[in-house]
Amino acid sequence: MKTMENRTARCNQDDLALQDTIYAIVGKWKMRIFKSMCLGNIRFTEIEKSLTGITKRTLSKELKELEINQLVTRKAYPDQPSKAEYKLTSYAKTLVPMLNEMVRWGTEHRQMIIKRQKTA
């Protein structure tokens, strides 16, 4: 009985951890923003131009959420027009191995789907 309770408790902890991860990084734009920043785009306009189809409002919202989750820092300059730079935190960089693995898996998955469609 104790073993079953331990497994249930562990499962609940894992579920919470997965929920927190998903909340912090999932969405149509978050990981694309993250990738853009990894490629050196740090200004709002640079990030915006690198992401076809994103609106200024959505980009602003997503950057704020990344900032709340301590994955991005924002530095504002008093210039006119206003200028802000965004940087990935060292904490955010701990996600890079997981994201690289997700890209690898996604590439293999897409190839599997395409191959299956060709043979169907």
PDB file of N, CA and C in Angstrom:
ATOM      1  N   MET A   1       0.824  -1.191   0.000  1.00  0.00           N
ATOM      2  CA  MET A   1       0.000   0.000   0.000  1.00  0.00           C
ATOM      3  C   MET A   1       0.870   1.258   0.000  1.00  0.00           C
ATOM      4  N   LYS A   2       1.929   1.225   0.770  1.00  0.00           N
ATOM      5  CA  LYS A   2       2.831   2.374   0.873  1.00  0.00           C
ATOM      6  C   LYS A   2       3.470   2.673  -0.490  1.00  0.00           C
ATOM      7  N   THR A   3       3.832   1.615  -1.225  1.00  0.00           N
ATOM      8  CA  THR A   3       4.448   1.791  -2.532  1.00  0.00           C
ATOM      9  C   THR A   3       3.493   2.500  -3.488  1.00  0.00           C
ATOM     10  N   MET A   4       2.230   2.117  -3.464  1.00  0.00           N
ATOM     11  CA  MET A   4       1.230   2.756  -4.320  1.00  0.00           C
ATOM     12  C   MET A   4       1.074   4.227  -3.953  1.00  0.00           C
ATOM     13  N   GLU A   5       1.072   4.564  -2.682  1.00  0.00           N
ATOM     14  CA  GLU A   5       0.978   5.956  -2.244  1.00  0.00           C
ATOM     15  C   GLU A   5       2.193   6.742  -2.696  1.00  0.00           C
ATOM     16  N   ASN A   6       3.376   6.123  -2.619  1.00  0.00           N
ATOM     17  CA  ASN A   6       4.605   6.786  -3.069  1.00  0.00           C
ATOM     18  C   ASN A   6       4.549   7.063  -4.567  1.00  0.00           C
ATOM     19  N   ARG A   7       4.069   6.091  -5.336  1.00  0.00           N
ATOM     20  CA  ARG A   7       3.967   6.276  -6.782  1.00  0.00           C
ATOM     21  C   ARG A   7       2.961   7.377  -7.128  1.00  0.00           C
ATOM     22  N   THR A   8       1.858   7.401  -6.412  1.00  0.00           N
ATOM     23  CA  THR A   8       0.843   8.427  -6.644  1.00  0.00           C
ATOM     24  C   THR A   8       1.395   9.809  -6.312  1.00  0.00           C
ATOM     25  N   ALA A   9       2.096   9.921  -5.189  1.00  0.00           N
ATOM     26  CA  ALA A   9       2.689  11.197  -4.801  1.00  0.00           C
ATOM     27  C   ALA A   9       3.721  11.638  -5.840  1.00  0.00           C
ATOM     28  N   ARG A  10       4.535  10.703  -6.303  1.00  0.00           N
ATOM     29  CA  ARG A  10       5.560  11.009  -7.307  1.00  0.00           C
ATOM     30  C   ARG A  10       4.905  11.449  -8.621  1.00  0.00           C
ATOM     31  N   CYS A  11       3.842  10.767  -9.000  1.00  0.00           N
ATOM     32  CA  CYS A  11       3.116  11.110 -10.221  1.00  0.00           C
ATOM     33  C   CYS A  11       2.532  12.521 -10.117  1.00  0.00           C
ATOM     34  N   ASN A  12       1.967  12.849  -8.972  1.00  0.00           N
ATOM     35  CA  ASN A  12       1.415  14.188  -8.757  1.00  0.00           C
ATOM     36  C   ASN A  12       2.495  15.259  -8.830  1.00  0.00           C
ATOM     37  N   GLN A  13       3.662  14.985  -8.244  1.00  0.00           N
ATOM     38  CA  GLN A  13       4.787  15.930  -8.305  1.00  0.00           C
ATOM     39  C   GLN A  13       5.243  16.116  -9.750  1.00  0.00           C
ATOM     40  N   ASP A  14       5.345  15.006 -10.475  1.00  0.00           N
ATOM     41  CA  ASP A  14       5.762  15.074 -11.876  1.00  0.00           C
ATOM     42  C   ASP A  14       4.745  15.852 -12.705  1.00  0.00           C
ATOM     43  N   ASP A  15       3.455  15.629 -12.433  1.00  0.00           N
ATOM     44  CA  ASP A  15       2.408  16.365 -13.148  1.00  0.00           C
ATOM     45  C   ASP A  15       2.542  17.866 -12.925  1.00  0.00           C
ATOM     46  N   LEU A  16       2.791  18.254 -11.683  1.00  0.00           N
ATOM     47  CA  LEU A  16       2.964  19.683 -11.383  1.00  0.00           C
ATOM     48  C   LEU A  16       4.179  20.250 -12.105  1.00  0.00           C
ATOM     49  N   ALA A  17       5.266  19.496 -12.108  1.00  0.00           N
ATOM     50  CA  ALA A  17       6.483  19.947 -12.786  1.00  0.00           C
ATOM     51  C   ALA A  17       6.239  20.110 -14.288  1.00  0.00           C
ATOM     52  N   LEU A  18       5.527  19.152 -14.885  1.00  0.00           N
ATOM     53  CA  LEU A  18       5.207  19.256 -16.309  1.00  0.00           C
ATOM     54  C   LEU A  18       4.301  20.453 -16.584  1.00  0.00           C
ATOM     55  N   GLN A  19       3.317  20.667 -15.740  1.00  0.00           N
ATOM     56  CA  GLN A  19       2.425  21.814 -15.899  1.00  0.00           C
ATOM     57  C   GLN A  19       3.211  23.117 -15.843  1.00  0.00           C
ATOM     58  N   ASP A  20       4.118  23.237 -14.893  1.00  0.00           N
ATOM     59  CA  ASP A  20       4.920  24.453 -14.765  1.00  0.00           C
ATOM     60  C   ASP A  20       5.784  24.675 -16.000  1.00  0.00           C
ATOM     61  N   THR A  21       6.382  23.587 -16.513  1.00  0.00           N
ATOM     62  CA  THR A  21       7.220  23.682 -17.704  1.00  0.00           C
ATOM     63  C   THR A  21       6.386  24.122 -18.901  1.00  0.00           C
ATOM     64  N   ILE A  22       5.254  23.469 -19.074  1.00  0.00           N
ATOM     65  CA  ILE A  22       4.386  23.788 -20.204  1.00  0.00           C
ATOM     66  C   ILE A  22       3.919  25.241 -20.124  1.00  0.00           C
ATOM     67  N   TYR A  23       3.522  25.684 -18.945  1.00  0.00           N
ATOM     68  CA  TYR A  23       3.074  27.064 -18.787  1.00  0.00           C
ATOM     69  C   TYR A  23       4.171  28.051 -19.188  1.00  0.00           C
ATOM     70  N   ALA A  24       5.394  27.748 -18.804  1.00  0.00           N
ATOM     71  CA  ALA A  24       6.504  28.680 -19.038  1.00  0.00           C
ATOM     72  C   ALA A  24       6.948  28.738 -20.497  1.00  0.00           C
ATOM     73  N   ILE A  25       6.867  27.622 -21.236  1.00  0.00           N
ATOM     74  CA  ILE A  25       7.488  27.601 -22.568  1.00  0.00           C
ATOM     75  C   ILE A  25       6.558  27.305 -23.735  1.00  0.00           C
ATOM     76  N   VAL A  26       5.352  26.832 -23.467  1.00  0.00           N
ATOM     77  CA  VAL A  26       4.503  26.413 -24.578  1.00  0.00           C
ATOM     78  C   VAL A  26       3.644  27.572 -25.073  1.00  0.00           C
ATOM     79  N   GLY A  27       3.365  27.530 -26.318  1.00  0.00           N
ATOM     80  CA  GLY A  27       2.548  28.529 -26.983  1.00  0.00           C
ATOM     81  C   GLY A  27       3.020  28.618 -28.419  1.00  0.00           C
ATOM     82  N   LYS A  28       2.251  29.272 -29.222  1.00  0.00           N
ATOM     83  CA  LYS A  28       2.599  29.380 -30.638  1.00  0.00           C
ATOM     84  C   LYS A  28       3.915  30.111 -30.839  1.00  0.00           C
ATOM     85  N   TRP A  29       4.219  31.074 -29.964  1.00  0.00           N
ATOM     86  CA  TRP A  29       5.345  31.968 -30.224  1.00  0.00           C
ATOM     87  C   TRP A  29       6.519  31.845 -29.270  1.00  0.00           C
ATOM     88  N   LYS A  30       6.333  31.380 -28.048  1.00  0.00           N
ATOM     89  CA  LYS A  30       7.398  31.454 -27.034  1.00  0.00           C
ATOM     90  C   LYS A  30       8.718  30.825 -27.481  1.00  0.00           C
ATOM     91  N   MET A  31       8.659  29.607 -27.985  1.00  0.00           N
ATOM     92  CA  MET A  31       9.908  28.951 -28.361  1.00  0.00           C
ATOM     93  C   MET A  31      10.498  29.551 -29.632  1.00  0.00           C
ATOM     94  N   ARG A  32       9.658  30.099 -30.484  1.00  0.00           N
ATOM     95  CA  ARG A  32      10.173  30.782 -31.669  1.00  0.00           C
ATOM     96  C   ARG A  32      10.874  32.073 -31.257  1.00  0.00           C
ATOM     97  N   ILE A  33      10.335  32.772 -30.278  1.00  0.00           N
ATOM     98  CA  ILE A  33      10.985  33.971 -29.730  1.00  0.00           C
ATOM     99  C   ILE A  33      12.314  33.572 -29.101  1.00  0.00           C
ATOM    100  N   PHE A  34      12.282  32.503 -28.326  1.00  0.00           N
ATOM    101  CA  PHE A  34      13.486  31.991 -27.669  1.00  0.00           C
ATOM    102  C   PHE A  34      14.566  31.687 -28.708  1.00  0.00           C
ATOM    103  N   LYS A  35      14.177  30.986 -29.778  1.00  0.00           N
ATOM    104  CA  LYS A  35      15.125  30.649 -30.847  1.00  0.00           C
ATOM    105  C   LYS A  35      15.686  31.911 -31.491  1.00  0.00           C
ATOM    106  N   SER A  36      14.824  32.876 -31.777  1.00  0.00           N
ATOM    107  CA  SER A  36      15.266  34.133 -32.372  1.00  0.00           C
ATOM    108  C   SER A  36      16.310  34.812 -31.495  1.00  0.00           C
ATOM    109  N   MET A  37      16.053  34.802 -30.194  1.00  0.00           N
ATOM    110  CA  MET A  37      16.997  35.418 -29.263  1.00  0.00           C
ATOM    111  C   MET A  37      18.302  34.633 -29.192  1.00  0.00           C
ATOM    112  N   CYS A  38      18.226  33.309 -29.284  1.00  0.00           N
ATOM    113  CA  CYS A  38      19.445  32.487 -29.309  1.00  0.00           C
ATOM    114  C   CYS A  38      20.298  32.803 -30.530  1.00  0.00           C
ATOM    115  N   LEU A  39      19.635  33.221 -31.610  1.00  0.00           N
ATOM    116  CA  LEU A  39      20.345  33.564 -32.844  1.00  0.00           C
ATOM    117  C   LEU A  39      20.889  34.988 -32.841  1.00  0.00           C
ATOM    118  N   GLY A  40      20.700  35.707 -31.726  1.00  0.00           N
ATOM    119  CA  GLY A  40      21.304  37.019 -31.578  1.00  0.00           C
ATOM    120  C   GLY A  40      20.364  38.196 -31.699  1.00  0.00           C
ATOM    121  N   ASN A  41      19.098  37.964 -31.943  1.00  0.00           N
ATOM    122  CA  ASN A  41      18.137  39.062 -32.028  1.00  0.00           C
ATOM    123  C   ASN A  41      17.760  39.487 -30.616  1.00  0.00           C
ATOM    124  N   ILE A  42      18.074  40.737 -30.275  1.00  0.00           N
ATOM    125  CA  ILE A  42      17.816  41.179 -28.906  1.00  0.00           C
ATOM    126  C   ILE A  42      16.877  42.380 -28.828  1.00  0.00           C
ATOM    127  N   ARG A  43      16.757  43.129 -29.896  1.00  0.00           N
ATOM    128  CA  ARG A  43      15.836  44.272 -29.889  1.00  0.00           C
ATOM    129  C   ARG A  43      14.451  43.817 -30.328  1.00  0.00           C
ATOM    130  N   PHE A  44      13.448  44.503 -29.809  1.00  0.00           N
ATOM    131  CA  PHE A  44      12.064  44.166 -30.103  1.00  0.00           C
ATOM    132  C   PHE A  44      11.843  44.044 -31.610  1.00  0.00           C
ATOM    133  N   THR A  45      12.304  45.053 -32.360  1.00  0.00           N
ATOM    134  CA  THR A  45      12.074  45.051 -33.811  1.00  0.00           C
ATOM    135  C   THR A  45      12.819  43.910 -34.504  1.00  0.00           C
ATOM    136  N   GLU A  46      14.001  43.557 -34.017  1.00  0.00           N
ATOM    137  CA  GLU A  46      14.743  42.436 -34.602  1.00  0.00           C
ATOM    138  C   GLU A  46      13.982  41.125 -34.397  1.00  0.00           C
ATOM    139  N   ILE A  47      13.498  40.940 -33.181  1.00  0.00           N
ATOM    140  CA  ILE A  47      12.737  39.725 -32.876  1.00  0.00           C
ATOM    141  C   ILE A  47      11.474  39.693 -33.736  1.00  0.00           C
ATOM    142  N   GLU A  48      10.786  40.833 -33.798  1.00  0.00           N
ATOM    143  CA  GLU A  48       9.540  40.919 -34.578  1.00  0.00           C
ATOM    144  C   GLU A  48       9.792  40.568 -36.045  1.00  0.00           C
ATOM    145  N   LYS A  49      10.830  41.123 -36.640  1.00  0.00           N
ATOM    146  CA  LYS A  49      11.126  40.877 -38.056  1.00  0.00           C
ATOM    147  C   LYS A  49      11.507  39.426 -38.321  1.00  0.00           C
ATOM    148  N   SER A  50      12.064  38.760 -37.325  1.00  0.00           N
ATOM    149  CA  SER A  50      12.487  37.366 -37.515  1.00  0.00           C
ATOM    150  C   SER A  50      11.326  36.377 -37.411  1.00  0.00           C
ATOM    151  N   LEU A  51      10.167  36.853 -36.967  1.00  0.00           N
ATOM    152  CA  LEU A  51       9.016  35.974 -36.747  1.00  0.00           C
ATOM    153  C   LEU A  51       7.849  36.393 -37.640  1.00  0.00           C
ATOM    154  N   THR A  52       7.770  35.804 -38.791  1.00  0.00           N
ATOM    155  CA  THR A  52       6.712  36.132 -39.738  1.00  0.00           C
ATOM    156  C   THR A  52       5.340  35.864 -39.129  1.00  0.00           C
ATOM    157  N   GLY A  53       4.488  36.896 -39.154  1.00  0.00           N
ATOM    158  CA  GLY A  53       3.115  36.728 -38.711  1.00  0.00           C
ATOM    159  C   GLY A  53       2.812  37.160 -37.286  1.00  0.00           C
ATOM    160  N   ILE A  54       3.826  37.447 -36.498  1.00  0.00           N
ATOM    161  CA  ILE A  54       3.569  37.861 -35.115  1.00  0.00           C
ATOM    162  C   ILE A  54       3.194  39.346 -35.090  1.00  0.00           C
ATOM    163  N   THR A  55       2.262  39.699 -34.246  1.00  0.00           N
ATOM    164  CA  THR A  55       1.889  41.112 -34.099  1.00  0.00           C
ATOM    165  C   THR A  55       2.719  41.724 -32.969  1.00  0.00           C
ATOM    166  N   LYS A  56       2.831  43.049 -32.984  1.00  0.00           N
ATOM    167  CA  LYS A  56       3.547  43.749 -31.920  1.00  0.00           C
ATOM    168  C   LYS A  56       2.920  43.437 -30.559  1.00  0.00           C
ATOM    169  N   ARG A  57       1.600  43.429 -30.528  1.00  0.00           N
ATOM    170  CA  ARG A  57       0.882  43.164 -29.270  1.00  0.00           C
ATOM    171  C   ARG A  57       1.202  41.766 -28.731  1.00  0.00           C
ATOM    172  N   THR A  58       1.178  40.771 -29.620  1.00  0.00           N
ATOM    173  CA  THR A  58       1.470  39.399 -29.201  1.00  0.00           C
ATOM    174  C   THR A  58       2.913  39.268 -28.756  1.00  0.00           C
ATOM    175  N   LEU A  59       3.831  39.853 -29.508  1.00  0.00           N
ATOM    176  CA  LEU A  59       5.240  39.786 -29.128  1.00  0.00           C
ATOM    177  C   LEU A  59       5.456  40.421 -27.766  1.00  0.00           C
ATOM    178  N   SER A  60       4.864  41.568 -27.546  1.00  0.00           N
ATOM    179  CA  SER A  60       4.988  42.250 -26.262  1.00  0.00           C
ATOM    180  C   SER A  60       4.457  41.377 -25.125  1.00  0.00           C
ATOM    181  N   LYS A  61       3.298  40.782 -25.325  1.00  0.00           N
ATOM    182  CA  LYS A  61       2.684  39.910 -24.317  1.00  0.00           C
ATOM    183  C   LYS A  61       3.566  38.698 -24.020  1.00  0.00           C
ATOM    184  N   GLU A  62       4.070  38.062 -25.074  1.00  0.00           N
ATOM    185  CA  GLU A  62       4.903  36.870 -24.901  1.00  0.00           C
ATOM    186  C   GLU A  62       6.220  37.213 -24.194  1.00  0.00           C
ATOM    187  N   LEU A  63       6.832  38.342 -24.562  1.00  0.00           N
ATOM    188  CA  LEU A  63       8.075  38.757 -23.906  1.00  0.00           C
ATOM    189  C   LEU A  63       7.829  39.040 -22.422  1.00  0.00           C
ATOM    190  N   LYS A  64       6.695  39.645 -22.099  1.00  0.00           N
ATOM    191  CA  LYS A  64       6.364  39.902 -20.690  1.00  0.00           C
ATOM    192  C   LYS A  64       6.207  38.603 -19.921  1.00  0.00           C
ATOM    193  N   GLU A  65       5.554  37.613 -20.533  1.00  0.00           N
ATOM    194  CA  GLU A  65       5.396  36.311 -19.870  1.00  0.00           C
ATOM    195  C   GLU A  65       6.744  35.621 -19.681  1.00  0.00           C
ATOM    196  N   LEU A  66       7.612  35.711 -20.678  1.00  0.00           N
ATOM    197  CA  LEU A  66       8.955  35.131 -20.540  1.00  0.00           C
ATOM    198  C   LEU A  66       9.735  35.848 -19.439  1.00  0.00           C
ATOM    199  N   GLU A  67       9.525  37.145 -19.337  1.00  0.00           N
ATOM    200  CA  GLU A  67      10.184  37.923 -18.290  1.00  0.00           C
ATOM    201  C   GLU A  67       9.656  37.529 -16.906  1.00  0.00           C
ATOM    202  N   ILE A  68       8.349  37.363 -16.772  1.00  0.00           N
ATOM    203  CA  ILE A  68       7.746  36.944 -15.501  1.00  0.00           C
ATOM    204  C   ILE A  68       8.304  35.598 -15.057  1.00  0.00           C
ATOM    205  N   ASN A  69       8.548  34.710 -16.022  1.00  0.00           N
ATOM    206  CA  ASN A  69       9.091  33.385 -15.713  1.00  0.00           C
ATOM    207  C   ASN A  69      10.619  33.380 -15.618  1.00  0.00           C
ATOM    208  N   GLN A  70      11.216  34.559 -15.606  1.00  0.00           N
ATOM    209  CA  GLN A  70      12.649  34.755 -15.446  1.00  0.00           C
ATOM    210  C   GLN A  70      13.474  34.066 -16.530  1.00  0.00           C
ATOM    211  N   LEU A  71      12.912  34.028 -17.739  1.00  0.00           N
ATOM    212  CA  LEU A  71      13.629  33.464 -18.873  1.00  0.00           C
ATOM    213  C   LEU A  71      14.245  34.556 -19.739  1.00  0.00           C
ATOM    214  N   VAL A  72      13.753  35.784 -19.567  1.00  0.00           N
ATOM    215  CA  VAL A  72      14.204  36.935 -20.350  1.00  0.00           C
ATOM    216  C   VAL A  72      14.339  38.131 -19.421  1.00  0.00           C
ATOM    217  N   THR A  73      15.352  38.940 -19.697  1.00  0.00           N
ATOM    218  CA  THR A  73      15.449  40.228 -19.004  1.00  0.00           C
ATOM    219  C   THR A  73      15.247  41.334 -20.038  1.00  0.00           C
ATOM    220  N   ARG A  74      14.726  42.439 -19.579  1.00  0.00           N
ATOM    221  CA  ARG A  74      14.471  43.585 -20.459  1.00  0.00           C
ATOM    222  C   ARG A  74      15.236  44.781 -19.929  1.00  0.00           C
ATOM    223  N   LYS A  75      15.960  45.440 -20.828  1.00  0.00           N
ATOM    224  CA  LYS A  75      16.669  46.651 -20.458  1.00  0.00           C
ATOM    225  C   LYS A  75      16.161  47.774 -21.353  1.00  0.00           C
ATOM    226  N   ALA A  76      15.575  48.785 -20.727  1.00  0.00           N
ATOM    227  CA  ALA A  76      15.022  49.915 -21.467  1.00  0.00           C
ATOM    228  C   ALA A  76      16.038  51.048 -21.495  1.00  0.00           C
ATOM    229  N   TYR A  77      16.087  51.738 -22.614  1.00  0.00           N
ATOM    230  CA  TYR A  77      16.959  52.896 -22.784  1.00  0.00           C
ATOM    231  C   TYR A  77      16.086  54.135 -22.936  1.00  0.00           C
ATOM    232  N   PRO A  78      16.560  55.274 -22.420  1.00  0.00           N
ATOM    233  CA  PRO A  78      15.737  56.493 -22.459  1.00  0.00           C
ATOM    234  C   PRO A  78      15.747  57.206 -23.815  1.00  0.00           C
ATOM    235  N   ASP A  79      16.208  56.549 -24.843  1.00  0.00           N
ATOM    236  CA  ASP A  79      16.276  57.153 -26.180  1.00  0.00           C
ATOM    237  C   ASP A  79      14.892  57.480 -26.718  1.00  0.00           C
ATOM    238  N   GLN A  80      14.862  58.346 -27.710  1.00  0.00           N
ATOM    239  CA  GLN A  80      13.635  58.637 -28.447  1.00  0.00           C
ATOM    240  C   GLN A  80      13.886  58.295 -29.894  1.00  0.00           C
ATOM    241  N   PRO A  81      13.148  57.433 -30.559  1.00  0.00           N
ATOM    242  CA  PRO A  81      12.076  56.649 -29.947  1.00  0.00           C
ATOM    243  C   PRO A  81      12.641  55.645 -28.943  1.00  0.00           C
ATOM    244  N   SER A  82      11.782  55.195 -28.066  1.00  0.00           N
ATOM    245  CA  SER A  82      12.226  54.306 -27.000  1.00  0.00           C
ATOM    246  C   SER A  82      12.843  53.028 -27.577  1.00  0.00           C
ATOM    247  N   LYS A  83      13.788  52.511 -26.832  1.00  0.00           N
ATOM    248  CA  LYS A  83      14.516  51.335 -27.274  1.00  0.00           C
ATOM    249  C   LYS A  83      14.632  50.388 -26.091  1.00  0.00           C
ATOM    250  N   ALA A  84      14.423  49.102 -26.345  1.00  0.00           N
ATOM    251  CA  ALA A  84      14.584  48.094 -25.305  1.00  0.00           C
ATOM    252  C   ALA A  84      15.324  46.902 -25.892  1.00  0.00           C
ATOM    253  N   GLU A  85      16.139  46.301 -25.062  1.00  0.00           N
ATOM    254  CA  GLU A  85      16.850  45.088 -25.461  1.00  0.00           C
ATOM    255  C   GLU A  85      16.453  43.961 -24.523  1.00  0.00           C
ATOM    256  N   TYR A  86      16.326  42.792 -25.099  1.00  0.00           N
ATOM    257  CA  TYR A  86      15.947  41.607 -24.345  1.00  0.00           C
ATOM    258  C   TYR A  86      17.086  40.613 -24.406  1.00  0.00           C
ATOM    259  N   LYS A  87      17.316  39.949 -23.291  1.00  0.00           N
ATOM    260  CA  LYS A  87      18.362  38.927 -23.248  1.00  0.00           C
ATOM    261  C   LYS A  87      17.828  37.706 -22.522  1.00  0.00           C
ATOM    262  N   LEU A  88      18.294  36.546 -22.991  1.00  0.00           N
ATOM    263  CA  LEU A  88      17.960  35.314 -22.285  1.00  0.00           C
ATOM    264  C   LEU A  88      18.756  35.284 -20.987  1.00  0.00           C
ATOM    265  N   THR A  89      18.128  34.853 -19.929  1.00  0.00           N
ATOM    266  CA  THR A  89      18.822  34.725 -18.654  1.00  0.00           C
ATOM    267  C   THR A  89      19.667  33.447 -18.664  1.00  0.00           C
ATOM    268  N   SER A  90      20.596  33.359 -17.747  1.00  0.00           N
ATOM    269  CA  SER A  90      21.375  32.119 -17.634  1.00  0.00           C
ATOM    270  C   SER A  90      20.445  30.959 -17.296  1.00  0.00           C
ATOM    271  N   TYR A  91      19.397  31.254 -16.553  1.00  0.00           N
ATOM    272  CA  TYR A  91      18.381  30.249 -16.230  1.00  0.00           C
ATOM    273  C   TYR A  91      17.701  29.741 -17.502  1.00  0.00           C
ATOM    274  N   ALA A  92      17.383  30.635 -18.418  1.00  0.00           N
ATOM    275  CA  ALA A  92      16.752  30.245 -19.682  1.00  0.00           C
ATOM    276  C   ALA A  92      17.668  29.351 -20.496  1.00  0.00           C
ATOM    277  N   LYS A  93      18.948  29.607 -20.422  1.00  0.00           N
ATOM    278  CA  LYS A  93      19.908  28.821 -21.208  1.00  0.00           C
ATOM    279  C   LYS A  93      19.962  27.363 -20.760  1.00  0.00           C
ATOM    280  N   THR A  94      19.447  27.068 -19.569  1.00  0.00           N
ATOM    281  CA  THR A  94      19.388  25.664 -19.134  1.00  0.00           C
ATOM    282  C   THR A  94      18.360  24.883 -19.957  1.00  0.00           C
ATOM    283  N   LEU A  95      17.494  25.590 -20.674  1.00  0.00           N
ATOM    284  CA  LEU A  95      16.501  24.940 -21.535  1.00  0.00           C
ATOM    285  C   LEU A  95      17.078  24.491 -22.875  1.00  0.00           C
ATOM    286  N   VAL A  96      18.237  25.006 -23.259  1.00  0.00           N
ATOM    287  CA  VAL A  96      18.785  24.744 -24.592  1.00  0.00           C
ATOM    288  C   VAL A  96      18.933  23.249 -24.889  1.00  0.00           C
ATOM    289  N   PRO A  97      19.510  22.430 -24.004  1.00  0.00           N
ATOM    290  CA  PRO A  97      19.610  20.994 -24.330  1.00  0.00           C
ATOM    291  C   PRO A  97      18.240  20.349 -24.569  1.00  0.00           C
ATOM    292  N   MET A  98      17.257  20.704 -23.768  1.00  0.00           N
ATOM    293  CA  MET A  98      15.915  20.146 -23.942  1.00  0.00           C
ATOM    294  C   MET A  98      15.321  20.600 -25.276  1.00  0.00           C
ATOM    295  N   LEU A  99      15.514  21.859 -25.620  1.00  0.00           N
ATOM    296  CA  LEU A  99      14.971  22.377 -26.876  1.00  0.00           C
ATOM    297  C   LEU A  99      15.664  21.742 -28.078  1.00  0.00           C
ATOM    298  N   ASN A 100      16.968  21.540 -27.979  1.00  0.00           N
ATOM    299  CA  ASN A 100      17.689  20.858 -29.057  1.00  0.00           C
ATOM    300  C   ASN A 100      17.144  19.446 -29.249  1.00  0.00           C
ATOM    301  N   GLU A 101      16.854  18.774 -28.153  1.00  0.00           N
ATOM    302  CA  GLU A 101      16.289  17.427 -28.222  1.00  0.00           C
ATOM    303  C   GLU A 101      14.881  17.463 -28.826  1.00  0.00           C
ATOM    304  N   MET A 102      14.108  18.483 -28.492  1.00  0.00           N
ATOM    305  CA  MET A 102      12.772  18.625 -29.073  1.00  0.00           C
ATOM    306  C   MET A 102      12.861  18.848 -30.584  1.00  0.00           C
ATOM    307  N   VAL A 103      13.835  19.642 -31.026  1.00  0.00           N
ATOM    308  CA  VAL A 103      14.030  19.862 -32.464  1.00  0.00           C
ATOM    309  C   VAL A 103      14.416  18.546 -33.138  1.00  0.00           C
ATOM    310  N   ARG A 104      15.323  17.801 -32.522  1.00  0.00           N
ATOM    311  CA  ARG A 104      15.740  16.508 -33.082  1.00  0.00           C
ATOM    312  C   ARG A 104      14.542  15.573 -33.202  1.00  0.00           C
ATOM    313  N   TRP A 105      13.762  15.463 -32.126  1.00  0.00           N
ATOM    314  CA  TRP A 105      12.602  14.588 -32.130  1.00  0.00           C
ATOM    315  C   TRP A 105      11.579  15.045 -33.170  1.00  0.00           C
ATOM    316  N   GLY A 106      11.326  16.341 -33.229  1.00  0.00           N
ATOM    317  CA  GLY A 106      10.360  16.880 -34.187  1.00  0.00           C
ATOM    318  C   GLY A 106      10.772  16.624 -35.625  1.00  0.00           C
ATOM    319  N   THR A 107      12.078  16.723 -35.906  1.00  0.00           N
ATOM    320  CA  THR A 107      12.589  16.441 -37.248  1.00  0.00           C
ATOM    321  C   THR A 107      12.347  14.980 -37.605  1.00  0.00           C
ATOM    322  N   GLU A 108      12.689  14.073 -36.695  1.00  0.00           N
ATOM    323  CA  GLU A 108      12.467  12.647 -36.931  1.00  0.00           C
ATOM    324  C   GLU A 108      10.968  12.338 -37.076  1.00  0.00           C
ATOM    325  N   HIS A 109      10.162  12.962 -36.251  1.00  0.00           N
ATOM    326  CA  HIS A 109       8.720  12.727 -36.304  1.00  0.00           C
ATOM    327  C   HIS A 109       8.144  13.176 -37.645  1.00  0.00           C
ATOM    328  N   ARG A 110       8.544  14.352 -38.095  1.00  0.00           N
ATOM    329  CA  ARG A 110       8.063  14.867 -39.385  1.00  0.00           C
ATOM    330  C   ARG A 110       8.474  13.930 -40.520  1.00  0.00           C
ATOM    331  N   GLN A 111       9.718  13.456 -40.481  1.00  0.00           N
ATOM    332  CA  GLN A 111      10.188  12.539 -41.525  1.00  0.00           C
ATOM    333  C   GLN A 111       9.376  11.240 -41.505  1.00  0.00           C
ATOM    334  N   MET A 112       9.052  10.743 -40.317  1.00  0.00           N
ATOM    335  CA  MET A 112       8.261   9.521 -40.193  1.00  0.00           C
ATOM    336  C   MET A 112       6.870   9.729 -40.798  1.00  0.00           C
ATOM    337  N   ILE A 113       6.250  10.871 -40.500  1.00  0.00           N
ATOM    338  CA  ILE A 113       4.914  11.165 -41.019  1.00  0.00           C
ATOM    339  C   ILE A 113       4.948  11.275 -42.546  1.00  0.00           C
ATOM    340  N   ILE A 114       5.919  11.982 -43.077  1.00  0.00           N
ATOM    341  CA  ILE A 114       6.043  12.139 -44.530  1.00  0.00           C
ATOM    342  C   ILE A 114       6.260  10.788 -45.193  1.00  0.00           C
ATOM    343  N   LYS A 115       7.113   9.974 -44.606  1.00  0.00           N
ATOM    344  CA  LYS A 115       7.391   8.640 -45.149  1.00  0.00           C
ATOM    345  C   LYS A 115       6.117   7.793 -45.146  1.00  0.00           C
ATOM    346  N   ARG A 116       5.361   7.856 -44.069  1.00  0.00           N
ATOM    347  CA  ARG A 116       4.127   7.080 -43.967  1.00  0.00           C
ATOM    348  C   ARG A 116       3.108   7.550 -44.997  1.00  0.00           C
ATOM    349  N   GLN A 117       3.030   8.864 -45.231  1.00  0.00           N
ATOM    350  CA  GLN A 117       2.087   9.393 -46.204  1.00  0.00           C
ATOM    351  C   GLN A 117       2.441   8.936 -47.619  1.00  0.00           C
ATOM    352  N   LYS A 118       3.745   8.829 -47.900  1.00  0.00           N
ATOM    353  CA  LYS A 118       4.189   8.404 -49.224  1.00  0.00           C
ATOM    354  C   LYS A 118       3.857   6.936 -49.475  1.00  0.00           C
ATOM    355  N   THR A 119       3.876   6.134 -48.424  1.00  0.00           N
ATOM    356  CA  THR A 119       3.606   4.704 -48.598  1.00  0.00           C
ATOM    357  C   THR A 119       2.122   4.366 -48.477  1.00  0.00           C
ATOM    358  N   ALA A 120       1.318   5.337 -48.091  1.00  0.00           N
ATOM    359  CA  ALA A 120      -0.126   5.074 -47.921  1.00  0.00           C
ATOM    360  C   ALA A 120      -0.873   5.128 -49.236  1.00  0.00           C
TER     361      ALA A 120
END
